[in-house]
Amino acid sequence: MLGRKHNALTRRRAALLREWDAALGELRANEAAFERSEDEFYTEQLIYQHAALLCRCRAVLRQLRGLGQGSAP
């Protein structure tokens, strides 16, 4: 039974790490687009998107940290 729980946590952690990597990639792309942007409306859109991506990164990080609590022997 403990093995199943450990496997489930391992799979969950792997999924969160993939999500973390994807969110960071999107954040980097957003920042690169912001640096190149010359249209004020597009720049404003990028700013809102950046804020949403930061929230997503923080949420994933919170979940990753939560998995580490209580799982250690």
Foldseek 3Di string as FASTA:
>chain_A
DVVVVVVVLVVVLVVLVVQLVVLVVVLVVLVVCLVVDDDPVVNVVSVVVNVVSVVSNVVSVVVNVVSVPPPDD
